[in-house]
Amino acid sequence: MLRTDRVVIVGAGLGGLYAALSLAPHPVLVISPEALGEGASSAWAQGGVAAAMAAHDSPEAHASDTLAAGAGTVDAGVASMVTQAARDHILDLAARGTPFDRDADGQFQLNHEAAHSTARVVRVKGDQAGKKIMETLIATVRATPSVQVMEGVVAQALEVADGRVTGIWLARAAGGSQAVRLRAPAVLLAGGGSGGLYALTTNPPRIRGQVMGLAARAGAMMADMEFIQFHPTAMDLGLDPAPLATEALRGAGARLVNAQGVYFMEGQHPLGDLAPRDIVARAVFAQTQTGQRPMLDMRAAAGGGGELSLRYPAVFEACRRAGLDPSAVPVPVAAAAHYHMGGVATDRQGRSSLPGLWACGEAASTGLHGANRLASNGVLEALVFARAAAADMALGLNGPSDVPAVALEFPTGGVALDGGAVMQLRQTMSAHVGVRRTAQGLSQALAVLEDLENTYADSPDFRNMCATATMIAACAHARCESRGAHWRDDFPQADPAQARRSFMTFEQARALRATVRIPQE
């Protein structure tokens, strides 16, 4: 057992790095499974950061759109807090060197994304916001003496003593090592979402709900776990993960069509192609289910041709690698697991239900997103709560001082992750806990998850994945209605009595699983 006076931050995406910088000069240890900038969902965020930057816009209008998209379960106080803080965070990132797009007068250029009442998404080179923000933060972190980054390491479990998180178990990300216990004054979970628990996802390959799972297994209260946002325009090019066609394309004129050339969003919602993501995702999924091959026609976006490649280089490059020219032909798309609105339940300071444990970013559930995240609110939430959590953690720390760097030696051993088991889990989640759900399918999924959890009980990483998957399926089974991103074919209407957030522990999820699971044949 080792001990450090550094705050341990699990995850090196936008939330983790921003929190580390916000804590400076307090000493911090950032744990990253890969090299900085690689494998983090933040770097893949194409749209940008939602913020009321235009003279005609306001935080109140932004909060109103957030509440509307969240389908009745957004915490209005949190929405107000976050939208009021948005402008300050954009200016802070700009001051740190983020090259946001600006017009000839120096004003921020803004994208119009789905369910926003106006253009308010601050962007970088069209679809490069996440990448450029991360580059800015990484450069700053590298130059900050108080921040130690440990790459190639994953968190496997939390140490809890007398109801308080006192440390964390760490192991080599590549496998082949036993875990080492590190005691620390505070732990911040900023390790991403759970998209990789599904067979089709837009998330980086390694992000499979492990961080949420280790918190759940430690006894933390989890919130809104049933609400998974499926992005309607993942490019269906046979790649894992699926490249994302940013929503900003539809804001710029791209249209969803099927194999017959029909614009199928007409009549589905007054906003058509720019309807809330859950509605568009179900429409895209329905086209796939009926063999109509949904596609995104980008030819009208940004003037097409060379202009398209300049404004949306990530999209254009993904199409090029697949042998498609999006300025000439529509591109096949599918609904893919994209963002988890649920996670570790936190208050407005980022505190979890366990003293000593904070969370921010996609691993957390703050109440901002409700049942359906408003486009580009995810990056904003990570910024606001990373700073809030840092400020709260700092209150319990000694004054900044020179603290030795943490040096870990990992004993050889450990249990390798079983690729076949991971694929079975992912296929089960897509088949039964995906865009459309039923009680029978969810019960079948819970049975498979229990069997997998028992069979591979000696693999901490896999147990964390199973814990998160179980939480999602159990909460989806408990919510007997359709709301936002959660759709039940057997309960297709929203129930006003259930217009509230959901809270559940892993112990409660396992108890529910025991009562509803359908035994495997």
Protein backbone atom coordinates (compact mmCIF):
# COMPACT_ATOMS: atom_id res chain seq x y z
CA MET A 1 0.00 0.00 0.00
CA LEU A 2 1.31 3.41 -1.02
CA ARG A 3 0.18 6.84 0.10
CA THR A 4 0.22 10.24 -1.61
CA ASP A 5 -0.88 13.75 -0.73
CA ARG A 6 -1.87 14.32 -4.34
CA VAL A 7 -5.50 14.40 -5.42
CA VAL A 8 -6.03 11.45 -7.77
CA ILE A 9 -7.97 12.23 -10.94
CA VAL A 10 -9.13 9.19 -12.91
CA GLY A 11 -9.37 10.13 -16.57
CA ALA A 12 -7.43 12.51 -18.79
CA GLY A 13 -10.21 13.90 -20.95
CA LEU A 14 -11.43 17.46 -20.84
CA GLY A 15 -12.99 17.20 -17.37
CA GLY A 16 -9.97 15.57 -15.77
CA LEU A 17 -7.42 17.97 -17.25
CA TYR A 18 -9.53 21.06 -16.56
CA ALA A 19 -9.97 19.96 -12.94
CA ALA A 20 -6.22 19.40 -12.59
CA LEU A 21 -5.53 22.91 -13.85
CA SER A 22 -8.27 24.36 -11.65
CA LEU A 23 -6.66 22.70 -8.60
CA ALA A 24 -3.22 24.14 -9.34
CA PRO A 25 -1.01 24.71 -7.44
CA HIS A 26 -2.38 21.86 -5.29
CA PRO A 27 -0.53 18.68 -6.33
CA VAL A 28 -2.49 16.30 -8.54
CA LEU A 29 -1.98 12.86 -10.08
CA VAL A 30 -3.89 12.30 -13.34
CA ILE A 31 -4.41 8.67 -14.33
CA SER A 32 -4.71 8.01 -18.07
CA PRO A 33 -5.02 4.59 -19.74
CA GLU A 34 -3.38 5.95 -22.89
CA ALA A 35 -1.11 8.79 -23.92
CA LEU A 36 -2.63 12.21 -23.31
CA GLY A 37 -5.01 13.13 -26.10
CA GLU A 38 -5.57 9.54 -27.20
CA GLY A 39 -8.65 7.52 -26.36
CA ALA A 40 -10.64 10.33 -24.69
CA SER A 41 -14.16 11.09 -25.89
CA SER A 42 -13.48 14.81 -25.39
CA ALA A 43 -11.03 14.85 -28.28
CA TRP A 44 -13.71 13.33 -30.52
CA ALA A 45 -16.36 15.97 -29.74
CA GLN A 46 -17.12 17.57 -33.09
CA GLY A 47 -19.87 20.09 -32.44
CA GLY A 48 -18.29 22.34 -29.83
CA VAL A 49 -19.41 24.01 -26.61
CA ALA A 50 -22.89 25.42 -26.13
CA ALA A 51 -22.90 28.92 -24.64
CA ALA A 52 -24.95 32.11 -25.01
CA MET A 53 -22.27 34.22 -26.70
CA ALA A 54 -24.37 36.16 -29.22
CA ALA A 55 -25.89 39.53 -28.33
CA HIS A 56 -29.41 38.27 -29.07
CA ASP A 57 -28.98 35.13 -26.93
CA SER A 58 -29.09 34.65 -23.15
CA PRO A 59 -28.29 32.05 -20.48
CA GLU A 60 -32.00 31.96 -19.70
CA ALA A 61 -32.84 30.96 -23.29
CA HIS A 62 -30.09 28.33 -23.20
CA ALA A 63 -31.48 26.94 -19.94
CA SER A 64 -34.99 26.89 -21.41
CA ASP A 65 -33.79 24.83 -24.39
CA THR A 66 -31.97 22.50 -22.01
CA LEU A 67 -35.14 21.96 -19.99
CA ALA A 68 -37.20 21.32 -23.11
CA ALA A 69 -34.77 18.76 -24.52
CA GLY A 70 -34.49 16.95 -21.18
CA ALA A 71 -38.10 15.79 -21.34
CA GLY A 72 -39.19 16.78 -17.85
CA THR A 73 -36.34 15.48 -15.70
CA VAL A 74 -33.73 18.27 -15.86
CA ASP A 75 -32.78 19.91 -12.56
CA ALA A 76 -33.75 23.51 -13.35
CA GLY A 77 -31.35 24.92 -10.77
CA VAL A 78 -28.42 23.05 -12.27
CA ALA A 79 -29.42 24.16 -15.78
CA SER A 80 -29.44 27.79 -14.63
CA MET A 81 -26.08 27.42 -12.88
CA VAL A 82 -24.39 25.82 -15.88
CA THR A 83 -25.75 28.14 -18.56
CA GLN A 84 -24.92 31.22 -16.48
CA ALA A 85 -21.31 30.00 -16.19
CA ALA A 86 -20.93 29.05 -19.86
CA ARG A 87 -19.61 32.35 -21.22
CA ASP A 88 -16.87 32.55 -18.58
CA HIS A 89 -15.59 29.09 -19.50
CA ILE A 90 -15.47 29.92 -23.21
CA LEU A 91 -13.48 33.07 -22.47
CA ASP A 92 -11.17 31.06 -20.19
CA LEU A 93 -10.48 28.47 -22.90
CA ALA A 94 -9.92 31.24 -25.44
CA ALA A 95 -7.45 32.94 -23.07
CA ARG A 96 -5.60 29.64 -22.72
CA GLY A 97 -5.17 29.52 -26.48
CA THR A 98 -8.12 27.56 -27.90
CA PRO A 99 -8.48 28.81 -31.51
CA PHE A 100 -12.26 29.21 -31.66
CA ASP A 101 -13.66 30.21 -35.05
CA ARG A 102 -14.26 33.95 -35.35
CA ASP A 103 -15.59 36.28 -38.01
CA ALA A 104 -13.85 39.29 -39.53
CA ASP A 105 -14.94 41.41 -36.53
CA GLY A 106 -13.47 38.95 -34.03
CA GLN A 107 -16.85 37.66 -32.88
CA PHE A 108 -17.31 33.94 -32.17
CA GLN A 109 -18.79 31.99 -35.07
CA LEU A 110 -21.64 29.83 -33.81
CA ASN A 111 -23.19 26.59 -35.06
CA HIS A 112 -26.92 25.91 -34.86
CA GLU A 113 -27.49 22.39 -33.54
CA ALA A 114 -30.57 20.29 -32.87
CA ALA A 115 -33.14 21.52 -30.33
CA HIS A 116 -31.33 24.85 -29.77
CA SER A 117 -33.56 27.85 -30.45
CA THR A 118 -30.65 29.73 -31.99
CA ALA A 119 -27.05 29.29 -33.09
CA ARG A 120 -24.99 29.10 -29.87
CA VAL A 121 -22.38 26.34 -30.27
CA VAL A 122 -18.86 27.75 -30.23
CA ARG A 123 -16.75 25.79 -32.70
CA VAL A 124 -13.22 25.25 -34.00
CA LYS A 125 -12.67 24.62 -37.72
CA GLY A 126 -16.21 23.33 -38.09
CA ASP A 127 -15.84 19.92 -36.43
CA GLN A 128 -12.51 20.16 -34.58
CA ALA A 129 -13.61 21.69 -31.25
CA GLY A 130 -12.91 18.72 -29.01
CA LYS A 131 -9.55 18.04 -30.58
CA LYS A 132 -8.36 21.66 -30.35
CA ILE A 133 -9.63 22.22 -26.81
CA MET A 134 -7.82 19.07 -25.71
CA GLU A 135 -4.61 20.18 -27.44
CA THR A 136 -4.81 23.48 -25.56
CA LEU A 137 -5.38 21.82 -22.18
CA ILE A 138 -2.70 19.18 -22.73
CA ALA A 139 -0.11 21.84 -23.53
CA THR A 140 -1.08 23.75 -20.39
CA VAL A 141 -0.99 20.61 -18.22
CA ARG A 142 2.45 19.70 -19.54
CA ALA A 143 3.66 23.12 -18.40
CA THR A 144 2.04 22.97 -14.94
CA PRO A 145 4.46 21.68 -12.27
CA SER A 146 1.75 20.63 -9.81
CA VAL A 147 0.23 18.12 -12.23
CA GLN A 148 1.73 14.64 -12.57
CA VAL A 149 0.34 12.51 -15.40
CA MET A 150 0.64 8.73 -15.24
CA GLU A 151 -0.07 7.18 -18.63
CA GLY A 152 -0.84 3.54 -19.39
CA VAL A 153 -2.63 3.01 -16.06
CA VAL A 154 -6.28 2.20 -15.23
CA ALA A 155 -8.35 2.33 -12.06
CA GLN A 156 -9.89 -0.99 -11.07
CA ALA A 157 -11.54 -0.37 -7.70
CA LEU A 158 -12.04 2.19 -4.95
CA GLU A 159 -10.93 1.63 -1.38
CA VAL A 160 -13.71 2.48 1.08
CA ALA A 161 -13.20 2.63 4.85
CA ASP A 162 -16.01 3.58 7.27
CA GLY A 163 -18.12 4.79 4.36
CA ARG A 164 -15.42 7.09 2.97
CA VAL A 165 -13.29 6.69 -0.15
CA THR A 166 -9.70 6.59 1.06
CA GLY A 167 -7.84 5.35 -1.98
CA ILE A 168 -7.87 3.56 -5.28
CA TRP A 169 -6.54 0.35 -6.84
CA LEU A 170 -4.52 0.89 -10.03
CA ALA A 171 -3.13 -1.51 -12.64
CA ARG A 172 -1.41 -1.40 -16.02
CA ALA A 173 -3.84 -0.62 -18.84
CA ALA A 174 -2.17 -3.15 -21.11
CA GLY A 175 -2.85 -5.95 -18.61
CA GLY A 176 -0.39 -8.42 -17.21
CA SER A 177 -0.16 -6.80 -13.79
CA GLN A 178 -1.76 -7.03 -10.40
CA ALA A 179 -3.38 -3.95 -8.92
CA VAL A 180 -1.60 -1.63 -6.48
CA ARG A 181 -3.45 0.28 -3.74
CA LEU A 182 -2.81 4.00 -3.53
CA ARG A 183 -4.24 6.03 -0.65
CA ALA A 184 -5.07 9.68 -1.41
CA PRO A 185 -6.85 12.65 0.21
CA ALA A 186 -9.47 12.83 -2.55
CA VAL A 187 -10.46 11.02 -5.75
CA LEU A 188 -12.15 12.60 -8.77
CA LEU A 189 -13.72 10.30 -11.36
CA ALA A 190 -13.55 11.87 -14.82
CA GLY A 191 -13.18 8.72 -16.90
CA GLY A 192 -15.87 9.02 -19.54
CA GLY A 193 -19.11 7.25 -20.37
CA SER A 194 -20.32 3.83 -21.42
CA GLY A 195 -20.82 3.87 -25.19
CA GLY A 196 -18.43 0.95 -25.73
CA LEU A 197 -20.85 -1.32 -23.85
CA TYR A 198 -22.84 -1.32 -27.11
CA ALA A 199 -21.93 -3.09 -30.33
CA LEU A 200 -22.33 0.14 -32.34
CA THR A 201 -20.85 3.25 -30.74
CA THR A 202 -19.17 6.53 -31.60
CA ASN A 203 -16.99 6.44 -28.46
CA PRO A 204 -13.29 5.55 -28.24
CA PRO A 205 -12.81 1.74 -27.95
CA ARG A 206 -11.63 1.65 -24.34
CA ILE A 207 -14.58 3.61 -22.87
CA ARG A 208 -16.94 0.89 -21.66
CA GLY A 209 -18.40 2.19 -18.42
CA GLN A 210 -15.53 1.00 -16.22
CA VAL A 211 -15.31 4.19 -14.14
CA MET A 212 -19.04 4.29 -13.46
CA GLY A 213 -18.86 0.60 -12.60
CA LEU A 214 -16.11 0.92 -10.01
CA ALA A 215 -18.09 3.71 -8.31
CA ALA A 216 -21.26 1.60 -8.33
CA ARG A 217 -19.41 -1.41 -6.91
CA ALA A 218 -18.03 0.80 -4.13
CA GLY A 219 -21.59 1.71 -3.12
CA ALA A 220 -22.00 5.16 -4.71
CA MET A 221 -25.51 6.28 -5.57
CA MET A 222 -26.04 6.28 -9.35
CA ALA A 223 -28.54 8.47 -11.19
CA ASP A 224 -30.43 8.39 -14.50
CA MET A 225 -28.59 5.29 -15.67
CA GLU A 226 -31.34 4.29 -18.11
CA PHE A 227 -30.84 7.38 -20.25
CA ILE A 228 -28.40 6.57 -23.07
CA GLN A 229 -28.27 8.96 -25.99
CA PHE A 230 -27.95 7.30 -29.37
CA HIS A 231 -26.50 9.59 -31.99
CA PRO A 232 -28.62 9.36 -35.14
CA THR A 233 -25.83 10.02 -37.62
CA ALA A 234 -22.98 7.64 -36.86
CA MET A 235 -21.54 6.86 -40.28
CA ASP A 236 -22.29 3.22 -41.03
CA LEU A 237 -19.02 2.37 -42.75
CA GLY A 238 -18.25 -0.97 -41.07
CA LEU A 239 -15.83 0.57 -38.55
CA ASP A 240 -15.67 0.08 -34.77
CA PRO A 241 -16.13 2.64 -33.36
CA ALA A 242 -18.34 4.31 -35.95
CA PRO A 243 -17.16 7.74 -37.16
CA LEU A 244 -19.52 10.55 -36.24
CA ALA A 245 -21.21 12.92 -38.67
CA THR A 246 -21.64 16.00 -36.49
CA GLU A 247 -25.11 17.42 -35.96
CA ALA A 248 -23.78 20.74 -37.23
CA LEU A 249 -24.01 19.30 -40.74
CA ARG A 250 -27.80 19.15 -40.45
CA GLY A 251 -27.74 22.66 -39.04
CA ALA A 252 -25.92 23.67 -42.24
CA GLY A 253 -28.44 21.99 -44.54
CA ALA A 254 -27.64 18.25 -44.66
CA ARG A 255 -30.76 16.05 -44.89
CA LEU A 256 -31.63 12.55 -43.76
CA VAL A 257 -32.89 10.37 -46.60
CA ASN A 258 -33.51 6.67 -47.11
CA ALA A 259 -32.64 4.33 -49.94
CA GLN A 260 -35.70 5.53 -51.85
CA GLY A 261 -34.53 9.13 -51.60
CA VAL A 262 -37.33 10.05 -49.16
CA TYR A 263 -36.65 12.77 -46.56
CA PHE A 264 -38.09 10.66 -43.78
CA MET A 265 -37.95 13.24 -40.94
CA GLU A 266 -40.71 15.27 -42.58
CA GLY A 267 -43.86 14.70 -40.55
CA GLN A 268 -41.92 13.16 -37.65
CA HIS A 269 -41.39 16.45 -35.78
CA PRO A 270 -41.87 20.18 -36.49
CA LEU A 271 -38.08 20.65 -36.46
CA GLY A 272 -37.54 17.88 -39.02
CA ASP A 273 -33.88 16.95 -39.31
CA LEU A 274 -33.09 19.16 -36.31
CA ALA A 275 -35.52 17.47 -33.93
CA PRO A 276 -34.18 16.30 -30.54
CA ARG A 277 -31.71 13.47 -30.88
CA ASP A 278 -33.91 10.77 -29.36
CA ILE A 279 -36.62 11.39 -31.95
CA VAL A 280 -34.16 11.43 -34.85
CA ALA A 281 -32.38 8.33 -33.53
CA ARG A 282 -35.62 6.33 -33.36
CA ALA A 283 -36.54 7.44 -36.87
CA VAL A 284 -33.13 6.40 -38.19
CA PHE A 285 -33.37 3.08 -36.28
CA ALA A 286 -36.84 2.45 -37.76
CA GLN A 287 -35.49 2.96 -41.29
CA THR A 288 -32.70 0.48 -40.55
CA GLN A 289 -35.15 -2.07 -39.12
CA THR A 290 -37.31 -1.94 -42.25
CA GLY A 291 -34.33 -2.23 -44.60
CA GLN A 292 -34.65 1.32 -45.93
CA ARG A 293 -30.94 2.13 -45.40
CA PRO A 294 -30.89 5.62 -43.81
CA MET A 295 -28.33 8.03 -45.22
CA LEU A 296 -27.17 11.59 -44.65
CA ASP A 297 -27.19 13.74 -47.76
CA MET A 298 -24.49 16.34 -47.09
CA ARG A 299 -24.39 17.83 -50.56
CA ALA A 300 -26.28 20.97 -49.52
CA ALA A 301 -24.17 21.52 -46.35
CA ALA A 302 -21.64 24.34 -46.49
CA GLY A 303 -21.97 24.56 -50.26
CA GLY A 304 -20.69 21.01 -50.82
CA GLY A 305 -17.52 20.16 -52.70
CA GLY A 306 -14.23 21.51 -51.40
CA GLU A 307 -16.06 23.73 -48.92
CA LEU A 308 -17.35 20.61 -47.15
CA SER A 309 -13.84 19.19 -46.74
CA LEU A 310 -12.61 22.49 -45.28
CA ARG A 311 -15.44 23.03 -42.82
CA TYR A 312 -15.83 19.41 -41.67
CA PRO A 313 -12.44 17.76 -42.18
CA ALA A 314 -13.01 14.84 -39.76
CA VAL A 315 -16.22 13.82 -41.51
CA PHE A 316 -14.74 14.23 -44.95
CA GLU A 317 -11.62 12.21 -44.06
CA ALA A 318 -13.65 9.32 -42.59
CA CYS A 319 -15.72 9.17 -45.78
CA ARG A 320 -12.61 9.33 -47.93
CA ARG A 321 -11.07 6.36 -46.10
CA ALA A 322 -14.25 4.40 -46.80
CA GLY A 323 -14.10 5.29 -50.49
CA LEU A 324 -17.03 7.72 -50.42
CA ASP A 325 -17.23 11.34 -51.54
CA PRO A 326 -19.86 13.03 -49.32
CA SER A 327 -20.01 15.99 -51.68
CA ALA A 328 -21.23 13.63 -54.40
CA VAL A 329 -23.31 10.88 -52.73
CA PRO A 330 -25.31 10.41 -49.50
CA VAL A 331 -23.45 8.55 -46.72
CA PRO A 332 -25.02 5.58 -44.84
CA VAL A 333 -25.75 6.30 -41.17
CA ALA A 334 -27.06 4.42 -38.13
CA ALA A 335 -28.10 5.18 -34.54
CA ALA A 336 -25.11 4.46 -32.28
CA ALA A 337 -24.52 4.72 -28.51
CA HIS A 338 -23.02 8.17 -28.09
CA TYR A 339 -23.50 9.76 -24.67
CA HIS A 340 -24.64 8.59 -21.23
CA MET A 341 -26.81 11.12 -19.40
CA GLY A 342 -26.59 8.96 -16.27
CA GLY A 343 -23.64 8.25 -14.03
CA VAL A 344 -22.38 8.85 -10.51
CA ALA A 345 -24.96 11.05 -8.78
CA THR A 346 -23.38 14.35 -7.74
CA ASP A 347 -24.43 17.60 -6.14
CA ARG A 348 -23.55 21.06 -7.51
CA GLN A 349 -20.02 20.76 -6.12
CA GLY A 350 -19.42 17.46 -7.90
CA ARG A 351 -19.61 15.47 -4.64
CA SER A 352 -20.82 11.86 -4.83
CA SER A 353 -22.78 10.10 -2.08
CA LEU A 354 -19.47 8.74 -0.77
CA PRO A 355 -17.29 11.23 1.15
CA GLY A 356 -13.88 11.56 -0.47
CA LEU A 357 -15.24 10.88 -3.98
CA TRP A 358 -16.14 13.47 -6.63
CA ALA A 359 -17.13 13.02 -10.28
CA CYS A 360 -17.41 15.21 -13.37
CA GLY A 361 -17.94 14.87 -17.10
CA GLU A 362 -19.77 11.95 -18.64
CA ALA A 363 -19.01 9.69 -15.66
CA ALA A 364 -21.20 11.96 -13.52
CA SER A 365 -24.93 12.63 -13.47
CA THR A 366 -25.51 16.21 -12.32
CA GLY A 367 -29.14 16.69 -13.35
CA LEU A 368 -28.27 18.96 -16.29
CA HIS A 369 -29.20 16.60 -19.12
CA GLY A 370 -32.36 14.94 -17.85
CA ALA A 371 -33.67 12.28 -20.19
CA ASN A 372 -32.05 13.70 -23.30
CA ARG A 373 -28.88 15.82 -23.48
CA LEU A 374 -29.09 19.02 -25.49
CA ALA A 375 -26.44 19.05 -28.22
CA SER A 376 -22.99 20.30 -27.10
CA ASN A 377 -24.04 20.65 -23.46
CA GLY A 378 -21.76 17.73 -22.56
CA VAL A 379 -18.48 19.57 -22.96
CA LEU A 380 -19.96 22.57 -21.14
CA GLU A 381 -21.07 20.43 -18.20
CA ALA A 382 -17.60 18.87 -17.94
CA LEU A 383 -16.01 22.32 -17.74
CA VAL A 384 -18.41 23.72 -15.16
CA PHE A 385 -18.34 20.72 -12.83
CA ALA A 386 -14.60 20.10 -13.19
CA ARG A 387 -13.98 23.58 -11.81
CA ALA A 388 -16.70 23.22 -9.15
CA ALA A 389 -15.31 19.88 -7.97
CA ALA A 390 -11.78 21.27 -7.90
CA ALA A 391 -12.87 24.21 -5.75
CA ASP A 392 -14.70 21.91 -3.36
CA MET A 393 -11.83 19.44 -3.06
CA ALA A 394 -9.38 22.27 -2.41
CA LEU A 395 -11.32 23.24 0.73
CA GLY A 396 -10.29 19.98 2.39
CA LEU A 397 -6.64 20.03 1.33
CA ASN A 398 -3.58 21.35 3.06
CA GLY A 399 -1.97 24.40 1.49
CA PRO A 400 -0.08 23.82 -1.77
CA SER A 401 3.32 22.30 -1.17
CA ASP A 402 6.01 20.28 -2.87
CA VAL A 403 4.82 16.68 -2.98
CA PRO A 404 6.92 13.86 -4.40
CA ALA A 405 5.81 12.33 -7.67
CA VAL A 406 4.03 9.01 -7.30
CA ALA A 407 6.09 6.03 -8.43
CA LEU A 408 4.24 2.73 -8.84
CA GLU A 409 5.65 -0.72 -9.45
CA PHE A 410 3.07 -3.24 -10.58
CA PRO A 411 3.60 -6.91 -9.72
CA THR A 412 3.15 -9.21 -12.69
CA GLY A 413 -0.02 -11.25 -12.91
CA GLY A 414 -3.62 -10.22 -13.14
CA VAL A 415 -6.41 -11.55 -15.38
CA ALA A 416 -6.57 -10.66 -19.06
CA LEU A 417 -9.83 -9.28 -20.44
CA ASP A 418 -11.72 -11.92 -22.43
CA GLY A 419 -12.53 -10.46 -25.85
CA GLY A 420 -15.32 -12.93 -26.50
CA ALA A 421 -17.04 -12.04 -23.23
CA VAL A 422 -16.80 -8.32 -24.00
CA MET A 423 -18.38 -8.87 -27.42
CA GLN A 424 -21.19 -10.95 -25.90
CA LEU A 425 -21.87 -8.14 -23.44
CA ARG A 426 -21.90 -5.51 -26.21
CA GLN A 427 -24.21 -7.53 -28.44
CA THR A 428 -26.56 -8.17 -25.52
CA MET A 429 -26.76 -4.46 -24.73
CA SER A 430 -27.46 -3.49 -28.34
CA ALA A 431 -30.08 -6.21 -28.77
CA HIS A 432 -32.03 -5.64 -25.55
CA VAL A 433 -30.99 -2.34 -23.92
CA GLY A 434 -30.63 -0.17 -27.01
CA VAL A 435 -32.76 2.33 -28.91
CA ARG A 436 -35.99 0.38 -28.22
CA ARG A 437 -36.61 -1.71 -25.09
CA THR A 438 -39.14 -4.11 -23.56
CA ALA A 439 -39.49 -5.74 -20.14
CA GLN A 440 -38.82 -9.16 -21.65
CA GLY A 441 -35.68 -8.02 -23.47
CA LEU A 442 -34.35 -6.19 -20.42
CA SER A 443 -34.96 -9.27 -18.26
CA GLN A 444 -33.07 -11.40 -20.76
CA ALA A 445 -30.21 -8.91 -20.74
CA LEU A 446 -30.03 -8.95 -16.95
CA ALA A 447 -29.79 -12.75 -16.99
CA VAL A 448 -26.91 -12.67 -19.47
CA LEU A 449 -25.14 -9.97 -17.47
CA GLU A 450 -25.43 -11.95 -14.24
CA ASP A 451 -24.02 -15.05 -15.91
CA LEU A 452 -21.14 -13.06 -17.41
CA GLU A 453 -20.42 -11.35 -14.11
CA ASN A 454 -20.25 -14.72 -12.31
CA THR A 455 -18.21 -16.43 -15.03
CA TYR A 456 -15.57 -13.70 -15.18
CA ALA A 457 -15.63 -12.64 -11.52
CA ASP A 458 -11.82 -12.64 -11.35
CA SER A 459 -11.51 -9.83 -13.94
CA PRO A 460 -11.94 -6.41 -12.22
CA ASP A 461 -12.22 -4.48 -15.49
CA PHE A 462 -14.94 -6.78 -16.80
CA ARG A 463 -16.80 -6.73 -13.48
CA ASN A 464 -16.88 -2.92 -13.71
CA MET A 465 -18.32 -3.14 -17.22
CA CYS A 466 -20.95 -5.63 -16.06
CA ALA A 467 -21.85 -3.41 -13.10
CA THR A 468 -22.54 -0.42 -15.36
CA ALA A 469 -24.46 -2.54 -17.86
CA THR A 470 -26.53 -4.00 -15.02
CA MET A 471 -27.30 -0.51 -13.71
CA ILE A 472 -28.48 0.61 -17.17
CA ALA A 473 -30.69 -2.43 -17.72
CA ALA A 474 -32.14 -2.42 -14.19
CA CYS A 475 -33.01 1.28 -14.30
CA ALA A 476 -34.51 0.85 -17.77
CA HIS A 477 -36.63 -2.02 -16.45
CA ALA A 478 -37.78 0.08 -13.49
CA ARG A 479 -38.86 3.05 -15.66
CA CYS A 480 -42.14 1.78 -17.10
CA GLU A 481 -42.70 4.62 -19.56
CA SER A 482 -41.04 6.22 -22.58
CA ARG A 483 -39.21 9.47 -21.91
CA GLY A 484 -36.44 11.20 -23.84
CA ALA A 485 -33.75 8.75 -24.89
CA HIS A 486 -35.43 5.89 -22.99
CA TRP A 487 -38.03 4.16 -25.15
CA ARG A 488 -40.16 1.22 -24.04
CA ASP A 489 -42.20 -0.48 -26.76
CA ASP A 490 -44.42 -1.92 -24.00
CA PHE A 491 -44.90 1.53 -22.41
CA PRO A 492 -44.79 3.93 -25.40
CA GLN A 493 -46.30 6.92 -23.56
CA ALA A 494 -44.70 9.26 -21.05
CA ASP A 495 -46.18 8.98 -17.55
CA PRO A 496 -46.42 12.38 -15.80
CA ALA A 497 -46.01 10.64 -12.44
CA GLN A 498 -42.55 9.49 -13.54
CA ALA A 499 -41.30 12.91 -14.63
CA ARG A 500 -38.42 12.77 -12.19
CA ARG A 501 -34.82 11.63 -12.02
CA SER A 502 -34.03 8.04 -11.06
CA PHE A 503 -31.60 6.99 -8.33
CA MET A 504 -30.37 3.47 -7.66
CA THR A 505 -27.43 1.71 -6.03
CA PHE A 506 -25.72 -1.36 -7.45
CA GLU A 507 -27.07 -3.40 -4.54
CA GLN A 508 -30.60 -2.35 -5.47
CA ALA A 509 -29.95 -3.11 -9.15
CA ARG A 510 -28.75 -6.60 -8.31
CA ALA A 511 -31.82 -7.18 -6.14
CA LEU A 512 -34.08 -6.12 -9.01
CA ARG A 513 -32.11 -8.35 -11.38
CA ALA A 514 -32.74 -11.35 -9.14
CA THR A 515 -36.51 -10.80 -9.27
CA VAL A 516 -36.99 -10.12 -13.01
CA ARG A 517 -34.30 -12.08 -14.84
CA ILE A 518 -35.41 -14.66 -17.39
CA PRO A 519 -33.25 -17.79 -17.06
CA GLN A 520 -31.15 -18.72 -20.07
CA GLU A 521 -32.32 -21.78 -22.03
